[in-house]
Amino acid sequence: MKYFGTDGIRRIANTELTPEFVYEISKAGAYVLTKHVKKGTKPRIVIGRDTRISGTLIESAMTAGFLSSGANVELVGVAPTPTIAYITKKTNADMSVVISASHNTFEYNGIKFFSNKGTKIPDEIEEEIEEAIDSGIALKKEIDNEDIGVACVREELIDDYFNFVVDIFKNDIKKYNTQNFIVGIDTANGATYKIAEKIFKELGIRYTIINNNPDGININKNCGSTHLEQLKKCVLENKLNLGIAYDGDGDRCLIVNEKGEEVNGDVVLAIIADYMKKNGKLQKNKIVATVMSNIGLNKYAKNNNLEFVQTKVGDRYVLEEMLKNGGNLGGEQSGHIILSDFNLTGDGIVTSLMVIKILLESRKTFSEVCNVITIYPQTLINVKVKEFDMSKYPEIQEMISKIEKELEGEGRVLIRKSGTEPLFRVMLEGKDKNYIDKAAKDIANIIEDKMS
């Protein structure tokens, strides 16, 4: 698509994602939305944002576009993506928007649309919005003065999410919690900076919190789920049971065990699947993941008689598979975990609390719980390119085929186009870390040489 990537529209704020462009996007979004709501009613749209300095700028431009199209707007303020998704469904809003660039640094911002069911809008609706932008039809549409929408501040709606999450976990946490169980929390100076601490306090979980003072430009800066160094240090120095790192918009988390080692989404999926299966709560005995998931997760599923389904990269495609063909657990290696019994999007806070619940009940260390799965070494290299037609270069294909043959079925090569940046992601996995590191560099080098 022209504007939308795998996770909404994402660009540098104020220069690429300009107020004028945001206004156009919102006009087009409202135009498409009115075709899908009850005739004669004003669409009701909820807007939330993360802590970026450009958030209120984009929020203002987007609000103006919606209001001028006849939609009413409710401004929730700073809130994680899963909070907005939950509020949308809980309050029967017609649509919602999250203004965030997730794990990217502060100069970027983005726009993610959610349906009235609390799910990211499907590709076909995004295509309709793109068509409305390019044709200019939404900008040309005029409404009568009495039909202009109104906006109001509804920050109290965040309390609905707070109560919802606390209700899920309060009984089990209270039953199994101990005074010597302490976690580290890194909110990445992002959207979870208020709500995460509030929930942990209410549940009585002892914690040490870092990177929890957003100033508009420090979101994801050497912290959060993409930079675990500070959290690892915090866990080791304070002898914590685990550390939790959220990303900028709070829809995913990565975890650090008591040894200061990273635990990614594939391991978390296996841990939660194992727990849910033992308790008879894993729907269809099924895990849904993406093509980026580690081969170790595939082997874990086979060894435990679980159905394992892989989708395109993007948590939206994981959810689509879950809703279409069943399953209540899915996710990505990056830490998007969908527990659809609770919320229909990745939810970093719910995921982390589920892991904490499992740990408390098991009375084991986190590294012991992680032994449920064996993860193969994996290497990922991003290669910036100027074009994406790899078929023009047979020498690239020949090298890939050679390496795949040498892996002898105990690993794989995966090369995919980024949905948000002009680059290829070159991923290799196998038993021999040194071999896959070298092989990945060889492939990346030839792609860079031929296509950059």
Protein backbone atom coordinates (compact mmCIF):
# COMPACT_ATOMS: atom_id res chain seq x y z
CA MET A 1 0.00 0.00 0.00
CA LYS A 2 1.04 3.61 -0.55
CA TYR A 3 0.66 5.06 2.95
CA PHE A 4 -0.11 2.21 5.34
CA GLY A 5 2.57 -0.22 6.46
CA THR A 6 2.24 -3.31 8.63
CA ASP A 7 1.27 -1.14 11.61
CA GLY A 8 -0.54 1.93 10.33
CA ILE A 9 1.01 5.07 8.87
CA ARG A 10 4.41 5.99 10.32
CA ARG A 11 6.63 8.92 9.32
CA ILE A 12 8.76 11.74 10.70
CA ALA A 13 6.38 14.13 12.43
CA ASN A 14 5.79 17.65 11.11
CA THR A 15 7.95 17.18 8.01
CA GLU A 16 6.56 13.98 6.47
CA LEU A 17 3.59 13.40 8.76
CA THR A 18 2.54 17.04 8.49
CA PRO A 19 -0.60 18.53 10.09
CA GLU A 20 -2.01 19.00 6.61
CA PHE A 21 -1.47 15.33 5.74
CA VAL A 22 -2.91 14.22 9.07
CA TYR A 23 -5.98 16.37 8.38
CA GLU A 24 -6.38 14.62 5.01
CA ILE A 25 -5.99 11.21 6.61
CA SER A 26 -8.65 11.94 9.22
CA LYS A 27 -11.06 13.34 6.62
CA ALA A 28 -10.57 10.21 4.54
CA GLY A 29 -10.95 7.98 7.60
CA ALA A 30 -14.20 9.67 8.58
CA TYR A 31 -15.45 9.48 4.97
CA VAL A 32 -14.86 5.72 4.85
CA LEU A 33 -16.24 5.23 8.36
CA THR A 34 -19.57 6.90 7.60
CA LYS A 35 -20.19 4.21 4.97
CA HIS A 36 -19.91 1.55 7.67
CA VAL A 37 -22.03 3.08 10.47
CA LYS A 38 -25.78 3.40 10.88
CA LYS A 39 -27.17 6.02 8.52
CA GLY A 40 -28.22 9.26 10.15
CA THR A 41 -25.96 8.89 13.20
CA LYS A 42 -22.79 10.79 13.98
CA PRO A 43 -19.73 8.54 14.16
CA ARG A 44 -18.05 8.53 17.58
CA ILE A 45 -14.25 8.31 17.47
CA VAL A 46 -11.87 7.79 20.39
CA ILE A 47 -8.30 9.14 20.14
CA GLY A 48 -5.32 8.18 22.33
CA ARG A 49 -1.62 8.93 22.00
CA ASP A 50 1.79 8.16 23.45
CA THR A 51 4.19 10.66 25.03
CA ARG A 52 5.93 12.08 21.93
CA ILE A 53 6.29 15.83 21.72
CA SER A 54 4.42 15.76 18.38
CA GLY A 55 1.45 13.89 19.85
CA THR A 56 -0.74 16.89 20.61
CA LEU A 57 0.09 18.47 17.23
CA ILE A 58 -1.10 15.39 15.37
CA GLU A 59 -4.03 14.93 17.74
CA SER A 60 -5.19 18.50 17.01
CA ALA A 61 -4.95 18.11 13.24
CA MET A 62 -6.71 14.75 13.37
CA THR A 63 -9.46 16.08 15.62
CA ALA A 64 -10.06 18.97 13.23
CA GLY A 65 -10.42 16.58 10.31
CA PHE A 66 -12.90 14.37 12.13
CA LEU A 67 -14.97 17.29 13.45
CA SER A 68 -15.16 18.96 10.04
CA SER A 69 -16.44 15.64 8.65
CA GLY A 70 -19.27 15.47 11.16
CA ALA A 71 -17.80 12.96 13.60
CA ASN A 72 -17.67 13.41 17.38
CA VAL A 73 -14.31 12.91 19.07
CA GLU A 74 -13.39 11.75 22.58
CA LEU A 75 -9.82 12.52 23.63
CA VAL A 76 -8.41 10.01 26.10
CA GLY A 77 -4.91 11.54 26.22
CA VAL A 78 -1.79 9.46 26.89
CA ALA A 79 -2.73 5.78 26.97
CA PRO A 80 -1.30 2.48 25.70
CA THR A 81 -2.59 1.05 22.43
CA PRO A 82 -4.36 -1.91 24.15
CA THR A 83 -6.12 0.55 26.48
CA ILE A 84 -7.60 2.39 23.50
CA ALA A 85 -8.55 -0.91 21.83
CA TYR A 86 -10.35 -2.04 24.99
CA ILE A 87 -12.12 1.31 25.48
CA THR A 88 -13.32 1.28 21.87
CA LYS A 89 -15.08 -2.03 22.30
CA LYS A 90 -16.24 -1.42 25.90
CA THR A 91 -17.88 1.94 25.13
CA ASN A 92 -19.23 0.97 21.68
CA ALA A 93 -17.29 3.66 19.84
CA ASP A 94 -17.46 3.48 16.06
CA MET A 95 -13.71 3.71 15.61
CA SER A 96 -10.56 4.74 17.43
CA VAL A 97 -7.14 6.09 16.56
CA VAL A 98 -3.84 5.60 18.34
CA ILE A 99 -1.23 8.27 17.63
CA SER A 100 2.11 6.53 18.12
CA ALA A 101 5.20 5.29 16.34
CA SER A 102 5.58 2.36 18.75
CA HIS A 103 9.28 1.55 19.30
CA ASN A 104 10.66 4.31 17.05
CA THR A 105 12.46 7.36 18.43
CA PHE A 106 10.64 10.60 19.23
CA GLU A 107 10.96 12.31 15.84
CA TYR A 108 8.68 9.70 14.29
CA ASN A 109 4.97 9.45 14.88
CA GLY A 110 2.19 7.36 13.43
CA ILE A 111 -1.51 6.71 13.09
CA LYS A 112 -3.24 3.41 13.77
CA PHE A 113 -6.96 2.96 13.16
CA PHE A 114 -9.03 0.51 15.20
CA SER A 115 -12.48 -0.85 14.36
CA ASN A 116 -15.49 -0.80 16.69
CA LYS A 117 -14.49 -4.31 17.79
CA GLY A 118 -11.18 -3.08 19.17
CA THR A 119 -9.14 -4.64 16.35
CA LYS A 120 -6.86 -2.98 13.83
CA ILE A 121 -8.80 -2.22 10.68
CA PRO A 122 -8.30 -4.76 7.87
CA ASP A 123 -6.20 -4.13 4.78
CA GLU A 124 -9.25 -3.51 2.61
CA ILE A 125 -10.43 -0.61 4.81
CA GLU A 126 -6.93 0.86 4.76
CA GLU A 127 -7.04 0.63 0.97
CA GLU A 128 -10.38 2.50 0.96
CA ILE A 129 -8.84 5.25 3.08
CA GLU A 130 -5.85 5.50 0.74
CA GLU A 131 -8.17 5.80 -2.25
CA ALA A 132 -10.10 8.56 -0.48
CA ILE A 133 -6.86 10.42 0.24
CA ASP A 134 -5.55 10.18 -3.32
CA SER A 135 -8.87 11.06 -4.98
CA GLY A 136 -9.45 14.05 -2.70
CA ILE A 137 -13.10 13.07 -2.41
CA ALA A 138 -13.13 13.39 1.37
CA LEU A 139 -11.66 16.91 1.28
CA LYS A 140 -14.29 18.01 -1.21
CA LYS A 141 -17.20 16.70 0.83
CA GLU A 142 -18.98 19.48 2.70
CA ILE A 143 -21.37 19.16 5.62
CA ASP A 144 -23.96 21.57 7.00
CA ASN A 145 -22.86 23.81 9.85
CA GLU A 146 -25.23 22.15 12.31
CA ASP A 147 -23.63 18.77 11.56
CA ILE A 148 -20.09 19.73 12.63
CA GLY A 149 -18.79 17.32 15.26
CA VAL A 150 -17.77 18.17 18.81
CA ALA A 151 -14.78 17.05 20.85
CA CYS A 152 -14.50 16.36 24.56
CA VAL A 153 -11.79 15.14 26.95
CA ARG A 154 -12.49 11.66 28.37
CA GLU A 155 -9.34 10.71 30.27
CA GLU A 156 -11.50 8.94 32.87
CA LEU A 157 -12.13 6.16 30.33
CA ILE A 158 -8.65 4.83 31.15
CA ASP A 159 -10.13 3.73 34.49
CA ASP A 160 -12.26 1.16 32.62
CA TYR A 161 -9.08 -0.53 31.40
CA PHE A 162 -7.44 -0.27 34.83
CA ASN A 163 -10.39 -1.99 36.52
CA PHE A 164 -10.55 -4.62 33.78
CA VAL A 165 -6.89 -5.64 34.13
CA VAL A 166 -6.92 -5.60 37.93
CA ASP A 167 -10.04 -7.81 37.99
CA ILE A 168 -8.33 -10.42 35.77
CA PHE A 169 -5.35 -10.92 38.08
CA LYS A 170 -6.16 -9.69 41.58
CA ASN A 171 -7.28 -13.00 43.09
CA ASP A 172 -4.38 -15.11 41.81
CA ILE A 173 -1.73 -12.47 42.49
CA LYS A 174 -3.02 -12.00 46.04
CA LYS A 175 -3.09 -15.77 46.62
CA TYR A 176 0.46 -16.53 45.47
CA ASN A 177 2.37 -13.26 45.92
CA THR A 178 5.29 -13.04 48.37
CA GLN A 179 7.25 -10.15 49.86
CA ASN A 180 10.51 -11.30 48.31
CA PHE A 181 9.07 -11.30 44.77
CA ILE A 182 10.17 -8.06 43.11
CA VAL A 183 10.09 -7.09 39.44
CA GLY A 184 11.80 -4.42 37.38
CA ILE A 185 9.69 -2.29 35.04
CA ASP A 186 10.93 -0.17 32.13
CA THR A 187 8.13 1.86 30.55
CA ALA A 188 10.41 3.34 27.84
CA ASN A 189 9.18 6.81 28.88
CA GLY A 190 6.15 5.89 26.83
CA ALA A 191 2.41 5.37 26.99
CA THR A 192 2.48 2.94 29.93
CA TYR A 193 4.25 5.35 32.26
CA LYS A 194 1.18 6.06 34.41
CA ILE A 195 -1.10 3.07 34.03
CA ALA A 196 1.51 0.32 34.51
CA GLU A 197 2.69 1.61 37.88
CA LYS A 198 -0.90 2.20 38.99
CA ILE A 199 -1.87 -1.41 38.15
CA PHE A 200 1.20 -2.94 39.82
CA LYS A 201 0.54 -0.91 42.97
CA GLU A 202 -3.08 -1.96 43.08
CA LEU A 203 -2.15 -5.64 42.68
CA GLY A 204 0.41 -5.40 45.47
CA ILE A 205 3.36 -6.45 43.28
CA ARG A 206 6.65 -5.01 44.54
CA TYR A 207 8.65 -3.31 41.81
CA THR A 208 11.55 -1.10 40.83
CA ILE A 209 10.68 1.21 37.95
CA ILE A 210 13.01 2.94 35.47
CA ASN A 211 12.62 5.22 32.44
CA ASN A 212 9.28 6.44 33.69
CA ASN A 213 9.65 10.23 33.28
CA PRO A 214 8.66 11.19 29.71
CA ASP A 215 9.64 14.62 28.46
CA GLY A 216 8.40 14.31 24.88
CA ILE A 217 11.75 13.38 23.35
CA ASN A 218 13.10 10.56 25.54
CA ILE A 219 10.54 7.92 24.50
CA ASN A 220 12.43 4.70 23.57
CA LYS A 221 15.76 6.51 23.96
CA ASN A 222 18.18 3.73 24.95
CA CYS A 223 15.40 2.10 26.92
CA GLY A 224 12.29 -0.07 26.67
CA SER A 225 11.84 -3.23 24.66
CA THR A 226 14.39 -2.28 21.99
CA HIS A 227 17.19 -1.39 24.42
CA LEU A 228 17.31 -3.82 27.33
CA GLU A 229 20.74 -2.91 28.71
CA GLN A 230 19.46 -0.67 31.53
CA LEU A 231 16.83 -3.19 32.57
CA LYS A 232 19.34 -6.04 32.61
CA LYS A 233 21.62 -4.00 34.85
CA CYS A 234 18.70 -3.09 37.12
CA VAL A 235 17.67 -6.74 37.51
CA LEU A 236 21.19 -7.92 38.33
CA GLU A 237 22.14 -5.08 40.68
CA ASN A 238 18.89 -5.32 42.64
CA LYS A 239 18.63 -9.12 42.47
CA LEU A 240 15.12 -8.95 41.01
CA ASN A 241 13.00 -11.93 40.00
CA LEU A 242 12.54 -10.58 36.47
CA GLY A 243 12.44 -7.38 34.45
CA ILE A 244 9.70 -6.18 32.10
CA ALA A 245 10.30 -3.78 29.21
CA TYR A 246 7.38 -2.21 27.35
CA ASP A 247 7.63 -0.42 24.03
CA GLY A 248 6.54 3.15 23.38
CA ASP A 249 2.85 2.42 22.89
CA GLY A 250 2.63 -0.51 25.31
CA ASP A 251 1.26 -3.18 22.99
CA ARG A 252 4.23 -5.47 23.54
CA CYS A 253 6.83 -6.38 26.10
CA LEU A 254 10.10 -8.25 26.32
CA ILE A 255 11.29 -9.79 29.56
CA VAL A 256 14.64 -10.25 31.31
CA ASN A 257 15.09 -13.26 33.59
CA GLU A 258 16.75 -13.20 37.03
CA LYS A 259 20.15 -13.79 35.35
CA GLY A 260 19.79 -10.66 33.22
CA GLU A 261 19.13 -12.64 30.04
CA GLU A 262 16.60 -11.55 27.39
CA VAL A 263 13.45 -13.63 27.01
CA ASN A 264 11.68 -12.90 23.74
CA GLY A 265 8.10 -13.37 22.57
CA ASP A 266 8.61 -16.91 21.29
CA VAL A 267 9.64 -18.11 24.74
CA VAL A 268 6.78 -16.20 26.36
CA LEU A 269 4.34 -17.84 23.94
CA ALA A 270 5.62 -21.29 24.90
CA ILE A 271 5.43 -20.52 28.64
CA ILE A 272 1.88 -19.24 28.40
CA ALA A 273 0.80 -22.06 26.05
CA ASP A 274 2.19 -24.64 28.46
CA TYR A 275 0.32 -23.07 31.39
CA MET A 276 -2.96 -22.68 29.48
CA LYS A 277 -2.84 -26.23 28.15
CA LYS A 278 -2.25 -27.71 31.61
CA ASN A 279 -5.22 -25.72 32.90
CA GLY A 280 -7.50 -26.65 29.98
CA LYS A 281 -7.68 -23.07 28.68
CA LEU A 282 -5.72 -23.28 25.42
CA GLN A 283 -8.39 -23.14 22.74
CA LYS A 284 -8.00 -25.86 20.10
CA ASN A 285 -4.54 -26.62 21.60
CA LYS A 286 -3.23 -24.05 19.15
CA ILE A 287 -0.53 -21.40 18.92
CA VAL A 288 -0.57 -18.75 16.19
CA ALA A 289 2.72 -17.02 15.38
CA THR A 290 4.41 -15.42 12.37
CA VAL A 291 7.01 -16.57 9.88
CA MET A 292 9.63 -14.79 12.01
CA SER A 293 9.05 -17.12 14.95
CA ASN A 294 11.98 -19.30 15.98
CA ILE A 295 12.15 -22.87 14.72
CA GLY A 296 12.35 -23.84 18.38
CA LEU A 297 8.73 -22.73 18.88
CA ASN A 298 7.68 -24.99 16.01
CA LYS A 299 9.51 -27.92 17.59
CA TYR A 300 8.01 -27.13 21.02
CA ALA A 301 4.51 -27.27 19.52
CA LYS A 302 5.18 -30.59 17.76
CA ASN A 303 6.66 -32.14 20.89
CA ASN A 304 3.60 -31.14 22.91
CA ASN A 305 0.95 -32.11 20.33
CA LEU A 306 -0.06 -28.52 19.67
CA GLU A 307 -1.25 -27.08 16.39
CA PHE A 308 1.20 -24.43 15.18
CA VAL A 309 0.09 -21.90 12.56
CA GLN A 310 2.31 -19.18 11.07
CA THR A 311 1.12 -15.97 9.39
CA LYS A 312 2.62 -12.95 7.69
CA VAL A 313 4.56 -10.62 9.99
CA GLY A 314 2.26 -8.32 11.93
CA ASP A 315 0.08 -8.94 14.96
CA ARG A 316 -2.97 -8.00 12.89
CA TYR A 317 -2.44 -11.11 10.76
CA VAL A 318 -1.98 -13.25 13.86
CA LEU A 319 -5.32 -12.00 15.18
CA GLU A 320 -7.04 -12.47 11.82
CA GLU A 321 -6.02 -16.14 11.86
CA MET A 322 -7.20 -16.53 15.46
CA LEU A 323 -10.60 -15.00 14.74
CA LYS A 324 -11.06 -16.87 11.47
CA ASN A 325 -9.92 -20.36 12.45
CA GLY A 326 -9.94 -20.38 16.24
CA GLY A 327 -7.31 -20.09 18.94
CA ASN A 328 -6.97 -17.77 21.89
CA LEU A 329 -3.17 -17.43 22.02
CA GLY A 330 -0.92 -15.89 19.41
CA GLY A 331 1.93 -13.49 19.02
CA GLU A 332 5.24 -12.39 17.64
CA GLN A 333 8.87 -12.84 18.62
CA SER A 334 9.04 -9.07 19.12
CA GLY A 335 6.76 -9.35 22.14
CA HIS A 336 3.28 -8.76 20.73
CA ILE A 337 1.27 -11.40 22.59
CA ILE A 338 -2.47 -11.67 21.98
CA LEU A 339 -4.55 -13.30 24.70
CA SER A 340 -7.90 -12.94 22.96
CA ASP A 341 -9.89 -14.01 26.00
CA PHE A 342 -8.95 -10.60 27.39
CA ASN A 343 -8.12 -8.18 24.56
CA LEU A 344 -8.00 -8.30 20.76
CA THR A 345 -4.60 -6.73 20.35
CA GLY A 346 -1.11 -7.18 21.73
CA ASP A 347 -1.11 -6.04 25.36
CA GLY A 348 2.23 -5.60 27.13
CA ILE A 349 0.77 -5.12 30.60
CA VAL A 350 -1.56 -8.12 30.42
CA THR A 351 1.25 -10.28 28.99
CA SER A 352 3.65 -9.33 31.77
CA LEU A 353 1.05 -9.98 34.45
CA MET A 354 0.26 -13.38 32.94
CA VAL A 355 3.95 -14.28 33.15
CA ILE A 356 4.12 -13.03 36.74
CA LYS A 357 1.06 -15.10 37.64
CA ILE A 358 2.65 -18.22 36.13
CA LEU A 359 5.91 -17.59 37.98
CA LEU A 360 4.21 -17.04 41.33
CA GLU A 361 2.13 -20.19 40.97
CA SER A 362 5.10 -22.31 39.89
CA ARG A 363 7.39 -21.18 42.73
CA LYS A 364 10.25 -21.50 40.21
CA THR A 365 12.78 -19.02 38.92
CA PHE A 366 12.05 -17.49 35.55
CA SER A 367 15.04 -19.23 33.92
CA GLU A 368 13.64 -22.57 35.15
CA VAL A 369 10.23 -21.82 33.67
CA CYS A 370 11.91 -20.92 30.35
CA ASN A 371 13.28 -24.46 30.05
CA VAL A 372 9.98 -25.51 28.53
CA ILE A 373 11.41 -24.53 25.12
CA THR A 374 14.79 -24.69 23.35
CA ILE A 375 15.46 -21.65 21.20
CA TYR A 376 17.75 -21.94 18.19
CA PRO A 377 20.38 -19.23 17.59
CA GLN A 378 18.98 -16.59 15.28
CA THR A 379 20.57 -13.67 13.46
CA LEU A 380 18.75 -10.69 11.97
CA ILE A 381 20.39 -8.07 9.76
CA ASN A 382 18.60 -5.06 8.24
CA VAL A 383 19.81 -4.03 4.78
CA LYS A 384 18.81 -0.67 3.32
CA VAL A 385 17.93 -0.96 -0.37
CA LYS A 386 16.77 1.25 -3.22
CA GLU A 387 14.63 -1.41 -4.89
CA PHE A 388 12.83 -4.60 -3.87
CA ASP A 389 12.83 -6.87 -6.95
CA MET A 390 15.31 -9.54 -5.88
CA SER A 391 14.42 -11.75 -8.86
CA LYS A 392 16.68 -9.59 -11.04
CA TYR A 393 19.73 -10.93 -9.26
CA PRO A 394 20.19 -14.71 -9.65
CA GLU A 395 23.47 -14.59 -7.72
CA ILE A 396 21.51 -13.65 -4.59
CA GLN A 397 19.17 -16.59 -5.09
CA GLU A 398 22.11 -18.93 -5.66
CA MET A 399 23.75 -17.93 -2.39
CA ILE A 400 20.47 -18.38 -0.46
CA SER A 401 19.96 -21.86 -1.98
CA LYS A 402 23.53 -22.87 -1.10
CA ILE A 403 23.10 -21.82 2.54
CA GLU A 404 19.70 -23.49 2.86
CA LYS A 405 21.24 -26.73 1.65
CA GLU A 406 24.06 -26.47 4.19
CA LEU A 407 21.56 -26.00 7.05
CA GLU A 408 20.26 -29.52 6.32
CA GLY A 409 16.74 -28.88 7.62
CA GLU A 410 17.97 -27.72 11.04
CA GLY A 411 17.50 -24.05 10.31
CA ARG A 412 16.22 -21.65 7.67
CA VAL A 413 16.74 -18.47 5.72
CA LEU A 414 13.98 -15.84 5.69
CA ILE A 415 14.25 -12.57 3.78
CA ARG A 416 11.35 -10.15 3.89
CA LYS A 417 10.62 -6.57 2.99
CA SER A 418 10.07 -4.23 5.93
CA GLY A 419 6.57 -2.86 6.23
CA THR A 420 7.75 0.45 7.71
CA GLU A 421 11.19 1.20 6.26
CA PRO A 422 13.05 0.89 2.89
CA LEU A 423 14.96 -2.23 3.79
CA PHE A 424 15.12 -6.01 3.70
CA ARG A 425 15.26 -8.01 6.92
CA VAL A 426 17.66 -10.93 6.51
CA MET A 427 17.00 -13.61 9.14
CA LEU A 428 18.86 -16.89 9.59
CA GLU A 429 18.57 -19.52 12.29
CA GLY A 430 20.28 -22.81 12.96
CA LYS A 431 22.21 -24.81 15.55
CA ASP A 432 25.62 -23.22 14.88
CA LYS A 433 25.65 -19.54 15.90
CA ASN A 434 28.99 -18.81 14.23
CA TYR A 435 27.83 -20.30 10.94
CA ILE A 436 24.53 -18.42 10.78
CA ASP A 437 26.21 -15.13 11.73
CA LYS A 438 28.64 -15.50 8.84
CA ALA A 439 25.96 -16.72 6.41
CA ALA A 440 23.64 -13.83 7.29
CA LYS A 441 26.45 -11.33 6.69
CA ASP A 442 27.25 -12.95 3.34
CA ILE A 443 23.64 -12.64 2.20
CA ALA A 444 23.31 -9.10 3.55
CA ASN A 445 26.50 -8.03 1.82
CA ILE A 446 25.46 -9.33 -1.59
CA ILE A 447 22.01 -7.72 -1.27
CA GLU A 448 23.61 -4.43 -0.30
CA ASP A 449 26.08 -4.67 -3.16
CA LYS A 450 23.44 -5.40 -5.80
CA MET A 451 20.39 -3.49 -4.57
CA SER A 452 21.58 -0.44 -2.62
